[in-house]
Amino acid sequence: MWDQRAKQYFVANGIAVIQLNPVEDDSWDAGPWYWPDGEDKPYLTALLGAMASNTLGIGRVDTAKLLLRGWSGGAAMVSWLFQTAAAGGLPAGVAIAGGIMLSGGSYTCYMDPFANETSTPVTPKTTCAACVPEGPAADCFGSPPDPRCSSCQGGPTYCTQCCPQNYTEEFYFGGTAHTWSQHPPTFLAQTSHTDAHADLCATVNYYDTLREHGVRTQLVRVAPQDERCFCIGTPGDAAAAGSPFAAHCDSTWHTCTSFFDTNCCVAHTLGFASMVEPMVQFAVDAVRPD
């Protein structure tokens, strides 16, 4: 619902929205291990090129001000396209003005060195290098959550829940102030107490790294008191005023891990009320800096 509301705000402010899904059998081809031989590269390259040359019959779209938005694995794809753009891999006439990451972070998150996956022969970056293969029995949904589910809680982190600190993309890692000045501004949003499908500090780590290097960024997290009902709106939350579903936020409502459960908000947010206006304002400022 809040994702849809954000799209309405985007369109009302003259920002076109293209909703892209990854190829079903491989999810997003984020990262140098999948991108060269995957299906997303030729598809996105062709699509963006056609948009830039205005041959799609959809009217003029300013591809020199591309704003990327991704949720979960899509957030990693935003990060990878930042890397691709920095390395000169986007079609002529296409430039990234900014990015939006929801419940995710760097494309180098979750690089488990203990997994038997030969397609990603990579080493975890920076603070994820000492991660542990064993995951919490509660699938990172305990109360309180197991500290191994969050890379900023200290101690060894569960590998498939770890996003690196002090790292965004390889192009900027260890780069100069000049290269960091080229990093697109980035808006990030996530839950604040539990994320069952992502490192709870995926957005925090990315945000902290950008802020340290002077990149314009903003982080909005679900307020703890709103986390149980963030997807429908918490009564009394001014940002959720008018939600036709907020009345269901009663004692029967809960948070859950399954995308097929009922009467619950999945602890892996695609959007929440207090995120919408700050995100849209950030996007407008990114594409219209003057």
C-alpha atoms as a PDB file:
ATOM      1  CA  MET A   1       0.000   0.000   0.000  1.00  0.00           C
ATOM      2  CA  TRP A   2       2.722   2.503   0.938  1.00  0.00           C
ATOM      3  CA  ASP A   3       4.799   1.513  -2.068  1.00  0.00           C
ATOM      4  CA  GLN A   4       1.797   2.301  -4.251  1.00  0.00           C
ATOM      5  CA  ARG A   5       1.245   5.614  -2.480  1.00  0.00           C
ATOM      6  CA  ALA A   6       4.868   6.542  -3.128  1.00  0.00           C
ATOM      7  CA  LYS A   7       4.414   5.802  -6.838  1.00  0.00           C
ATOM      8  CA  GLN A   8       1.393   8.108  -6.891  1.00  0.00           C
ATOM      9  CA  TYR A   9       3.498  10.869  -5.344  1.00  0.00           C
ATOM     10  CA  PHE A  10       6.294  10.246  -7.847  1.00  0.00           C
ATOM     11  CA  VAL A  11       3.967  10.547 -10.828  1.00  0.00           C
ATOM     12  CA  ALA A  12       2.308  13.640  -9.353  1.00  0.00           C
ATOM     13  CA  ASN A  13       5.765  15.219  -9.197  1.00  0.00           C
ATOM     14  CA  GLY A  14       6.663  14.393 -12.786  1.00  0.00           C
ATOM     15  CA  ILE A  15       8.815  11.335 -12.067  1.00  0.00           C
ATOM     16  CA  ALA A  16       8.109   8.330 -14.281  1.00  0.00           C
ATOM     17  CA  VAL A  17       8.086   4.929 -12.574  1.00  0.00           C
ATOM     18  CA  ILE A  18       9.183   1.760 -14.343  1.00  0.00           C
ATOM     19  CA  GLN A  19       8.389  -1.362 -12.350  1.00  0.00           C
ATOM     20  CA  LEU A  20      10.906  -4.068 -13.294  1.00  0.00           C
ATOM     21  CA  ASN A  21      10.936  -7.619 -12.040  1.00  0.00           C
ATOM     22  CA  PRO A  22      14.039  -9.803 -12.270  1.00  0.00           C
ATOM     23  CA  VAL A  23      14.086 -12.966 -14.325  1.00  0.00           C
ATOM     24  CA  GLU A  24      12.112 -15.458 -12.267  1.00  0.00           C
ATOM     25  CA  ASP A  25      14.651 -18.276 -12.245  1.00  0.00           C
ATOM     26  CA  ASP A  26      17.679 -16.308 -11.085  1.00  0.00           C
ATOM     27  CA  SER A  27      16.437 -13.229  -9.221  1.00  0.00           C
ATOM     28  CA  TRP A  28      18.505 -10.114  -9.883  1.00  0.00           C
ATOM     29  CA  ASP A  29      21.884 -10.562 -11.551  1.00  0.00           C
ATOM     30  CA  ALA A  30      23.533  -8.271  -9.026  1.00  0.00           C
ATOM     31  CA  GLY A  31      27.295  -8.525  -8.801  1.00  0.00           C
ATOM     32  CA  PRO A  32      30.188  -9.391 -11.089  1.00  0.00           C
ATOM     33  CA  TRP A  33      29.540 -13.121 -10.566  1.00  0.00           C
ATOM     34  CA  TYR A  34      26.146 -13.091 -12.325  1.00  0.00           C
ATOM     35  CA  TRP A  35      25.930  -9.904 -14.412  1.00  0.00           C
ATOM     36  CA  PRO A  36      28.195 -10.772 -17.392  1.00  0.00           C
ATOM     37  CA  ASP A  37      26.337 -13.987 -18.311  1.00  0.00           C
ATOM     38  CA  GLY A  38      22.918 -13.253 -16.849  1.00  0.00           C
ATOM     39  CA  GLU A  39      19.737 -12.105 -18.541  1.00  0.00           C
ATOM     40  CA  ASP A  40      19.366  -8.772 -16.765  1.00  0.00           C
ATOM     41  CA  LYS A  41      22.379  -7.178 -18.461  1.00  0.00           C
ATOM     42  CA  PRO A  42      21.168  -7.465 -22.094  1.00  0.00           C
ATOM     43  CA  TYR A  43      17.589  -6.686 -21.110  1.00  0.00           C
ATOM     44  CA  LEU A  44      18.329  -3.602 -19.035  1.00  0.00           C
ATOM     45  CA  THR A  45      20.956  -2.359 -21.484  1.00  0.00           C
ATOM     46  CA  ALA A  46      18.487  -2.606 -24.357  1.00  0.00           C
ATOM     47  CA  LEU A  47      15.662  -1.042 -22.374  1.00  0.00           C
ATOM     48  CA  LEU A  48      17.700   1.897 -21.098  1.00  0.00           C
ATOM     49  CA  GLY A  49      19.196   2.439 -24.529  1.00  0.00           C
ATOM     50  CA  ALA A  50      15.742   2.518 -26.102  1.00  0.00           C
ATOM     51  CA  MET A  51      14.552   4.954 -23.441  1.00  0.00           C
ATOM     52  CA  ALA A  52      17.545   7.207 -24.053  1.00  0.00           C
ATOM     53  CA  SER A  53      16.906   7.242 -27.809  1.00  0.00           C
ATOM     54  CA  ASN A  54      13.164   7.739 -27.298  1.00  0.00           C
ATOM     55  CA  THR A  55      12.219   4.760 -29.460  1.00  0.00           C
ATOM     56  CA  LEU A  56       9.743   3.080 -27.110  1.00  0.00           C
ATOM     57  CA  GLY A  57       6.781   5.278 -28.028  1.00  0.00           C
ATOM     58  CA  ILE A  58       6.203   6.264 -24.394  1.00  0.00           C
ATOM     59  CA  GLY A  59       7.163   9.913 -24.733  1.00  0.00           C
ATOM     60  CA  ARG A  60      10.259  11.744 -23.647  1.00  0.00           C
ATOM     61  CA  VAL A  61      11.905  10.385 -20.506  1.00  0.00           C
ATOM     62  CA  ASP A  62      14.995  12.131 -19.143  1.00  0.00           C
ATOM     63  CA  THR A  63      17.357   9.171 -18.798  1.00  0.00           C
ATOM     64  CA  ALA A  64      20.157  11.510 -17.730  1.00  0.00           C
ATOM     65  CA  LYS A  65      18.322  11.643 -14.393  1.00  0.00           C
ATOM     66  CA  LEU A  66      17.652   7.982 -13.744  1.00  0.00           C
ATOM     67  CA  LEU A  67      16.481   7.235 -10.211  1.00  0.00           C
ATOM     68  CA  LEU A  68      16.840   3.603  -9.161  1.00  0.00           C
ATOM     69  CA  ARG A  69      14.653   1.963  -6.539  1.00  0.00           C
ATOM     70  CA  GLY A  70      14.972  -1.548  -5.173  1.00  0.00           C
ATOM     71  CA  TRP A  71      13.589  -3.669  -2.354  1.00  0.00           C
ATOM     72  CA  SER A  72      15.513  -6.534  -0.732  1.00  0.00           C
ATOM     73  CA  GLY A  73      17.535  -8.157  -3.538  1.00  0.00           C
ATOM     74  CA  GLY A  74      16.493  -5.173  -5.622  1.00  0.00           C
ATOM     75  CA  ALA A  75      18.425  -2.924  -3.251  1.00  0.00           C
ATOM     76  CA  ALA A  76      21.542  -4.953  -4.034  1.00  0.00           C
ATOM     77  CA  MET A  77      20.725  -4.436  -7.715  1.00  0.00           C
ATOM     78  CA  VAL A  78      20.635  -0.668  -7.172  1.00  0.00           C
ATOM     79  CA  SER A  79      24.087  -0.944  -5.614  1.00  0.00           C
ATOM     80  CA  TRP A  80      25.345  -3.036  -8.520  1.00  0.00           C
ATOM     81  CA  LEU A  81      24.023  -0.528 -11.067  1.00  0.00           C
ATOM     82  CA  PHE A  82      25.843   2.203  -9.124  1.00  0.00           C
ATOM     83  CA  GLN A  83      29.006   0.135  -9.634  1.00  0.00           C
ATOM     84  CA  THR A  84      28.179  -0.498 -13.289  1.00  0.00           C
ATOM     85  CA  ALA A  85      27.546   3.186 -13.960  1.00  0.00           C
ATOM     86  CA  ALA A  86      30.767   4.238 -12.210  1.00  0.00           C
ATOM     87  CA  ALA A  87      32.697   1.815 -14.387  1.00  0.00           C
ATOM     88  CA  GLY A  88      31.101   3.254 -17.538  1.00  0.00           C
ATOM     89  CA  GLY A  89      28.813   0.302 -18.221  1.00  0.00           C
ATOM     90  CA  LEU A  90      25.521   2.090 -18.908  1.00  0.00           C
ATOM     91  CA  PRO A  91      24.291   3.048 -22.398  1.00  0.00           C
ATOM     92  CA  ALA A  92      25.065   6.489 -23.788  1.00  0.00           C
ATOM     93  CA  GLY A  93      22.656   9.110 -22.537  1.00  0.00           C
ATOM     94  CA  VAL A  94      21.898   7.266 -19.291  1.00  0.00           C
ATOM     95  CA  ALA A  95      23.099   8.654 -15.952  1.00  0.00           C
ATOM     96  CA  ILE A  96      22.020   7.869 -12.408  1.00  0.00           C
ATOM     97  CA  ALA A  97      20.715  10.791 -10.362  1.00  0.00           C
ATOM     98  CA  GLY A  98      20.075   8.814  -7.191  1.00  0.00           C
ATOM     99  CA  GLY A  99      18.923   5.594  -5.626  1.00  0.00           C
ATOM    100  CA  ILE A 100      16.374   4.237  -3.155  1.00  0.00           C
ATOM    101  CA  MET A 101      17.140   1.099  -1.158  1.00  0.00           C
ATOM    102  CA  LEU A 102      14.476  -0.647   0.899  1.00  0.00           C
ATOM    103  CA  SER A 103      15.423  -3.483   3.284  1.00  0.00           C
ATOM    104  CA  GLY A 104      18.779  -4.068   1.620  1.00  0.00           C
ATOM    105  CA  GLY A 105      22.200  -2.632   0.939  1.00  0.00           C
ATOM    106  CA  SER A 106      25.415  -3.307  -0.930  1.00  0.00           C
ATOM    107  CA  TYR A 107      25.549  -5.955  -3.649  1.00  0.00           C
ATOM    108  CA  THR A 108      28.291  -7.565  -1.559  1.00  0.00           C
ATOM    109  CA  CYS A 109      25.892  -8.480   1.260  1.00  0.00           C
ATOM    110  CA  TYR A 110      25.453 -12.185   2.096  1.00  0.00           C
ATOM    111  CA  MET A 111      28.592 -13.526   0.448  1.00  0.00           C
ATOM    112  CA  ASP A 112      28.771 -16.690   2.519  1.00  0.00           C
ATOM    113  CA  PRO A 113      32.288 -18.166   2.230  1.00  0.00           C
ATOM    114  CA  PHE A 114      31.073 -21.498   3.599  1.00  0.00           C
ATOM    115  CA  ALA A 115      28.327 -22.060   1.050  1.00  0.00           C
ATOM    116  CA  ASN A 116      28.939 -24.658  -1.641  1.00  0.00           C
ATOM    117  CA  GLU A 117      28.193 -22.235  -4.437  1.00  0.00           C
ATOM    118  CA  THR A 118      30.955 -22.264  -7.007  1.00  0.00           C
ATOM    119  CA  SER A 119      29.283 -19.514  -9.039  1.00  0.00           C
ATOM    120  CA  THR A 120      30.287 -16.955  -6.414  1.00  0.00           C
ATOM    121  CA  PRO A 121      33.926 -17.700  -5.532  1.00  0.00           C
ATOM    122  CA  VAL A 122      34.249 -14.523  -3.530  1.00  0.00           C
ATOM    123  CA  THR A 123      35.436 -13.459  -0.120  1.00  0.00           C
ATOM    124  CA  PRO A 124      33.152 -11.449   2.155  1.00  0.00           C
ATOM    125  CA  LYS A 125      34.076  -7.786   2.301  1.00  0.00           C
ATOM    126  CA  THR A 126      35.464  -5.869   5.297  1.00  0.00           C
ATOM    127  CA  THR A 127      33.557  -6.637   8.500  1.00  0.00           C
ATOM    128  CA  CYS A 128      31.796  -9.690   7.067  1.00  0.00           C
ATOM    129  CA  ALA A 129      35.092 -11.526   6.608  1.00  0.00           C
ATOM    130  CA  ALA A 130      34.797 -13.157  10.046  1.00  0.00           C
ATOM    131  CA  CYS A 131      31.163 -14.263   9.678  1.00  0.00           C
ATOM    132  CA  VAL A 132      30.002 -17.694  10.859  1.00  0.00           C
ATOM    133  CA  PRO A 133      28.068 -20.216   8.760  1.00  0.00           C
ATOM    134  CA  GLU A 134      25.632 -21.367  11.433  1.00  0.00           C
ATOM    135  CA  GLY A 135      22.362 -19.483  11.464  1.00  0.00           C
ATOM    136  CA  PRO A 136      20.079 -18.866  14.431  1.00  0.00           C
ATOM    137  CA  ALA A 137      17.473 -21.536  14.981  1.00  0.00           C
ATOM    138  CA  ALA A 138      14.741 -18.902  15.012  1.00  0.00           C
ATOM    139  CA  ASP A 139      15.662 -17.737  11.496  1.00  0.00           C
ATOM    140  CA  CYS A 140      16.532 -14.291  12.812  1.00  0.00           C
ATOM    141  CA  PHE A 141      13.042 -13.788  14.174  1.00  0.00           C
ATOM    142  CA  GLY A 142      13.616 -14.328  17.872  1.00  0.00           C
ATOM    143  CA  SER A 143      12.601 -11.889  20.574  1.00  0.00           C
ATOM    144  CA  PRO A 144      14.992 -10.283  21.038  1.00  0.00           C
ATOM    145  CA  PRO A 145      16.539 -11.183  17.680  1.00  0.00           C
ATOM    146  CA  ASP A 146      19.737 -13.191  17.760  1.00  0.00           C
ATOM    147  CA  PRO A 147      22.617 -10.670  17.561  1.00  0.00           C
ATOM    148  CA  ARG A 148      24.151 -12.741  14.754  1.00  0.00           C
ATOM    149  CA  CYS A 149      21.324 -11.523  12.517  1.00  0.00           C
ATOM    150  CA  SER A 150      22.627  -7.967  12.525  1.00  0.00           C
ATOM    151  CA  SER A 151      26.096  -6.917  11.449  1.00  0.00           C
ATOM    152  CA  CYS A 152      26.209  -3.938  13.819  1.00  0.00           C
ATOM    153  CA  GLN A 153      25.480  -5.805  17.050  1.00  0.00           C
ATOM    154  CA  GLY A 154      29.044  -6.904  17.683  1.00  0.00           C
ATOM    155  CA  GLY A 155      30.502 -10.390  17.711  1.00  0.00           C
ATOM    156  CA  PRO A 156      30.492 -12.935  14.874  1.00  0.00           C
ATOM    157  CA  THR A 157      27.676 -12.421  12.396  1.00  0.00           C
ATOM    158  CA  TYR A 158      25.640 -15.052  10.587  1.00  0.00           C
ATOM    159  CA  CYS A 159      27.055 -15.038   7.034  1.00  0.00           C
ATOM    160  CA  THR A 160      23.744 -14.974   5.220  1.00  0.00           C
ATOM    161  CA  GLN A 161      22.644 -12.015   7.343  1.00  0.00           C
ATOM    162  CA  CYS A 162      25.793  -9.911   7.002  1.00  0.00           C
ATOM    163  CA  CYS A 163      26.210  -6.681   5.059  1.00  0.00           C
ATOM    164  CA  PRO A 164      29.682  -5.128   5.247  1.00  0.00           C
ATOM    165  CA  GLN A 165      30.497  -1.969   7.126  1.00  0.00           C
ATOM    166  CA  ASN A 166      32.640   0.750   5.524  1.00  0.00           C
ATOM    167  CA  TYR A 167      31.794  -0.544   2.060  1.00  0.00           C
ATOM    168  CA  THR A 168      29.243   0.250  -0.650  1.00  0.00           C
ATOM    169  CA  GLU A 169      30.657  -0.665  -4.078  1.00  0.00           C
ATOM    170  CA  GLU A 170      34.103  -1.774  -5.232  1.00  0.00           C
ATOM    171  CA  PHE A 171      34.585   1.350  -7.357  1.00  0.00           C
ATOM    172  CA  TYR A 172      34.411   3.546  -4.261  1.00  0.00           C
ATOM    173  CA  PHE A 173      36.144   1.235  -1.810  1.00  0.00           C
ATOM    174  CA  GLY A 174      39.368   2.927  -0.784  1.00  0.00           C
ATOM    175  CA  GLY A 175      38.671   5.631  -3.341  1.00  0.00           C
ATOM    176  CA  THR A 176      39.570   9.281  -3.247  1.00  0.00           C
ATOM    177  CA  ALA A 177      37.332  12.151  -2.249  1.00  0.00           C
ATOM    178  CA  HIS A 178      36.833  12.782  -5.950  1.00  0.00           C
ATOM    179  CA  THR A 179      35.385   9.333  -6.598  1.00  0.00           C
ATOM    180  CA  TRP A 180      33.126   9.499  -3.554  1.00  0.00           C
ATOM    181  CA  SER A 181      31.814  12.821  -4.797  1.00  0.00           C
ATOM    182  CA  GLN A 182      30.474  10.941  -7.810  1.00  0.00           C
ATOM    183  CA  HIS A 183      28.422   8.496  -5.743  1.00  0.00           C
ATOM    184  CA  PRO A 184      24.685   8.998  -6.361  1.00  0.00           C
ATOM    185  CA  PRO A 185      22.668  10.324  -3.430  1.00  0.00           C
ATOM    186  CA  THR A 186      20.857   7.459  -1.757  1.00  0.00           C
ATOM    187  CA  PHE A 187      17.710   7.136   0.349  1.00  0.00           C
ATOM    188  CA  LEU A 188      17.405   4.070   2.578  1.00  0.00           C
ATOM    189  CA  ALA A 189      14.568   2.619   4.653  1.00  0.00           C
ATOM    190  CA  GLN A 190      14.171  -0.471   6.821  1.00  0.00           C
ATOM    191  CA  THR A 191      12.615  -1.830   9.985  1.00  0.00           C
ATOM    192  CA  SER A 192      14.273  -0.945  13.279  1.00  0.00           C
ATOM    193  CA  HIS A 193      13.790  -4.032  15.465  1.00  0.00           C
ATOM    194  CA  THR A 194      13.531  -7.168  13.328  1.00  0.00           C
ATOM    195  CA  ASP A 195      14.182  -8.008   9.687  1.00  0.00           C
ATOM    196  CA  ALA A 196      13.723 -11.718   9.068  1.00  0.00           C
ATOM    197  CA  HIS A 197      15.014 -11.664   5.492  1.00  0.00           C
ATOM    198  CA  ALA A 198      17.894  -9.189   5.633  1.00  0.00           C
ATOM    199  CA  ASP A 199      20.693  -7.963   7.844  1.00  0.00           C
ATOM    200  CA  LEU A 200      18.935  -5.542  10.174  1.00  0.00           C
ATOM    201  CA  CYS A 201      21.818  -3.132   9.587  1.00  0.00           C
ATOM    202  CA  ALA A 202      21.923  -3.480   5.790  1.00  0.00           C
ATOM    203  CA  THR A 203      20.719   0.088   5.361  1.00  0.00           C
ATOM    204  CA  VAL A 204      22.516   1.408   8.450  1.00  0.00           C
ATOM    205  CA  ASN A 205      25.917   0.208   7.247  1.00  0.00           C
ATOM    206  CA  TYR A 206      25.406   1.644   3.781  1.00  0.00           C
ATOM    207  CA  TYR A 207      24.102   4.936   5.162  1.00  0.00           C
ATOM    208  CA  ASP A 208      26.965   5.299   7.641  1.00  0.00           C
ATOM    209  CA  THR A 209      29.529   4.701   4.898  1.00  0.00           C
ATOM    210  CA  LEU A 210      28.016   7.318   2.596  1.00  0.00           C
ATOM    211  CA  ARG A 211      27.705   9.854   5.380  1.00  0.00           C
ATOM    212  CA  GLU A 212      31.334   9.324   6.414  1.00  0.00           C
ATOM    213  CA  HIS A 213      32.419  10.167   2.882  1.00  0.00           C
ATOM    214  CA  GLY A 214      30.184  13.201   2.476  1.00  0.00           C
ATOM    215  CA  VAL A 215      27.643  11.644   0.098  1.00  0.00           C
ATOM    216  CA  ARG A 216      24.099  12.985   0.404  1.00  0.00           C
ATOM    217  CA  THR A 217      22.023  10.285   2.030  1.00  0.00           C
ATOM    218  CA  GLN A 218      19.002   9.787   4.269  1.00  0.00           C
ATOM    219  CA  LEU A 219      17.879   6.861   6.410  1.00  0.00           C
ATOM    220  CA  VAL A 220      14.327   6.371   7.683  1.00  0.00           C
ATOM    221  CA  ARG A 221      13.459   3.383   9.861  1.00  0.00           C
ATOM    222  CA  VAL A 222      10.129   2.091  11.058  1.00  0.00           C
ATOM    223  CA  ALA A 223       9.525   3.449  14.550  1.00  0.00           C
ATOM    224  CA  PRO A 224       9.595   0.560  17.074  1.00  0.00           C
ATOM    225  CA  GLN A 225       6.052   1.326  18.219  1.00  0.00           C
ATOM    226  CA  ASP A 226       4.818   1.082  14.616  1.00  0.00           C
ATOM    227  CA  GLU A 227       6.671  -2.045  13.565  1.00  0.00           C
ATOM    228  CA  ARG A 228       3.853  -4.485  14.339  1.00  0.00           C
ATOM    229  CA  CYS A 229       1.410  -2.684  12.028  1.00  0.00           C
ATOM    230  CA  PHE A 230       3.670  -0.726   9.676  1.00  0.00           C
ATOM    231  CA  CYS A 231       2.176  -2.260   6.527  1.00  0.00           C
ATOM    232  CA  ILE A 232      -1.389  -1.168   7.278  1.00  0.00           C
ATOM    233  CA  GLY A 233      -0.718   1.904   9.423  1.00  0.00           C
ATOM    234  CA  THR A 234      -0.700   2.350  13.182  1.00  0.00           C
ATOM    235  CA  PRO A 235      -3.644   4.289  14.626  1.00  0.00           C
ATOM    236  CA  GLY A 236      -2.334   7.578  15.954  1.00  0.00           C
ATOM    237  CA  ASP A 237       0.527   7.732  13.462  1.00  0.00           C
ATOM    238  CA  ALA A 238      -0.014  11.025  11.647  1.00  0.00           C
ATOM    239  CA  ALA A 239       1.790   9.741   8.553  1.00  0.00           C
ATOM    240  CA  ALA A 240      -0.722   6.873   8.278  1.00  0.00           C
ATOM    241  CA  ALA A 241      -3.796   9.064   8.686  1.00  0.00           C
ATOM    242  CA  GLY A 242      -6.523   7.997   6.288  1.00  0.00           C
ATOM    243  CA  SER A 243      -5.370   4.399   5.903  1.00  0.00           C
ATOM    244  CA  PRO A 244      -8.467   2.267   5.301  1.00  0.00           C
ATOM    245  CA  PHE A 245      -6.741  -0.682   6.992  1.00  0.00           C
ATOM    246  CA  ALA A 246      -5.335   0.865  10.176  1.00  0.00           C
ATOM    247  CA  ALA A 247      -8.414  -0.230  12.117  1.00  0.00           C
ATOM    248  CA  HIS A 248      -7.171  -3.817  11.791  1.00  0.00           C
ATOM    249  CA  CYS A 249      -4.175  -2.968  13.980  1.00  0.00           C
ATOM    250  CA  ASP A 250      -5.532  -4.690  17.083  1.00  0.00           C
ATOM    251  CA  SER A 251      -4.377  -7.446  19.387  1.00  0.00           C
ATOM    252  CA  THR A 252      -4.744 -10.052  16.626  1.00  0.00           C
ATOM    253  CA  TRP A 253      -2.291  -8.300  14.320  1.00  0.00           C
ATOM    254  CA  HIS A 254       1.366  -9.330  14.404  1.00  0.00           C
ATOM    255  CA  THR A 255       4.646  -9.416  12.516  1.00  0.00           C
ATOM    256  CA  CYS A 256       5.614 -12.532  10.599  1.00  0.00           C
ATOM    257  CA  THR A 257       8.306 -14.057   8.393  1.00  0.00           C
ATOM    258  CA  SER A 258       6.109 -15.637   5.731  1.00  0.00           C
ATOM    259  CA  PHE A 259       4.865 -13.729   2.702  1.00  0.00           C
ATOM    260  CA  PHE A 260       1.787 -15.962   2.749  1.00  0.00           C
ATOM    261  CA  ASP A 261       0.718 -15.488   6.374  1.00  0.00           C
ATOM    262  CA  THR A 262      -2.389 -13.503   7.307  1.00  0.00           C
ATOM    263  CA  ASN A 263      -3.149 -10.683   9.730  1.00  0.00           C
ATOM    264  CA  CYS A 264       0.460  -9.640   9.854  1.00  0.00           C
ATOM    265  CA  CYS A 265       3.171  -7.406   8.449  1.00  0.00           C
ATOM    266  CA  VAL A 266       6.138  -9.305   7.015  1.00  0.00           C
ATOM    267  CA  ALA A 267       9.294  -8.219   8.815  1.00  0.00           C
ATOM    268  CA  HIS A 268      10.990  -7.178   5.585  1.00  0.00           C
ATOM    269  CA  THR A 269       9.392  -3.901   4.679  1.00  0.00           C
ATOM    270  CA  LEU A 270       8.534  -2.775   1.186  1.00  0.00           C
ATOM    271  CA  GLY A 271       7.197   0.469   2.575  1.00  0.00           C
ATOM    272  CA  PHE A 272       5.660   2.238   5.549  1.00  0.00           C
ATOM    273  CA  ALA A 273       3.742   5.456   6.060  1.00  0.00           C
ATOM    274  CA  SER A 274       6.473   7.644   7.545  1.00  0.00           C
ATOM    275  CA  MET A 275       8.796   6.719   4.675  1.00  0.00           C
ATOM    276  CA  VAL A 276       6.661   8.021   1.808  1.00  0.00           C
ATOM    277  CA  GLU A 277       6.972  11.800   1.916  1.00  0.00           C
ATOM    278  CA  PRO A 278      10.678  11.923   2.909  1.00  0.00           C
ATOM    279  CA  MET A 279      11.496   9.446   0.134  1.00  0.00           C
ATOM    280  CA  VAL A 280       9.590  11.364  -2.516  1.00  0.00           C
ATOM    281  CA  GLN A 281      11.104  14.665  -1.405  1.00  0.00           C
ATOM    282  CA  PHE A 282      14.565  13.098  -1.552  1.00  0.00           C
ATOM    283  CA  ALA A 283      13.853  11.833  -5.069  1.00  0.00           C
ATOM    284  CA  VAL A 284      12.570  15.212  -6.262  1.00  0.00           C
ATOM    285  CA  ASP A 285      15.665  16.912  -4.867  1.00  0.00           C
ATOM    286  CA  ALA A 286      17.896  14.329  -6.589  1.00  0.00           C
ATOM    287  CA  VAL A 287      16.420  14.812 -10.057  1.00  0.00           C
ATOM    288  CA  ARG A 288      15.867  18.547  -9.662  1.00  0.00           C
ATOM    289  CA  PRO A 289      18.855  19.753  -7.629  1.00  0.00           C
ATOM    290  CA  ASP A 290      18.339  23.357  -8.760  1.00  0.00           C
END
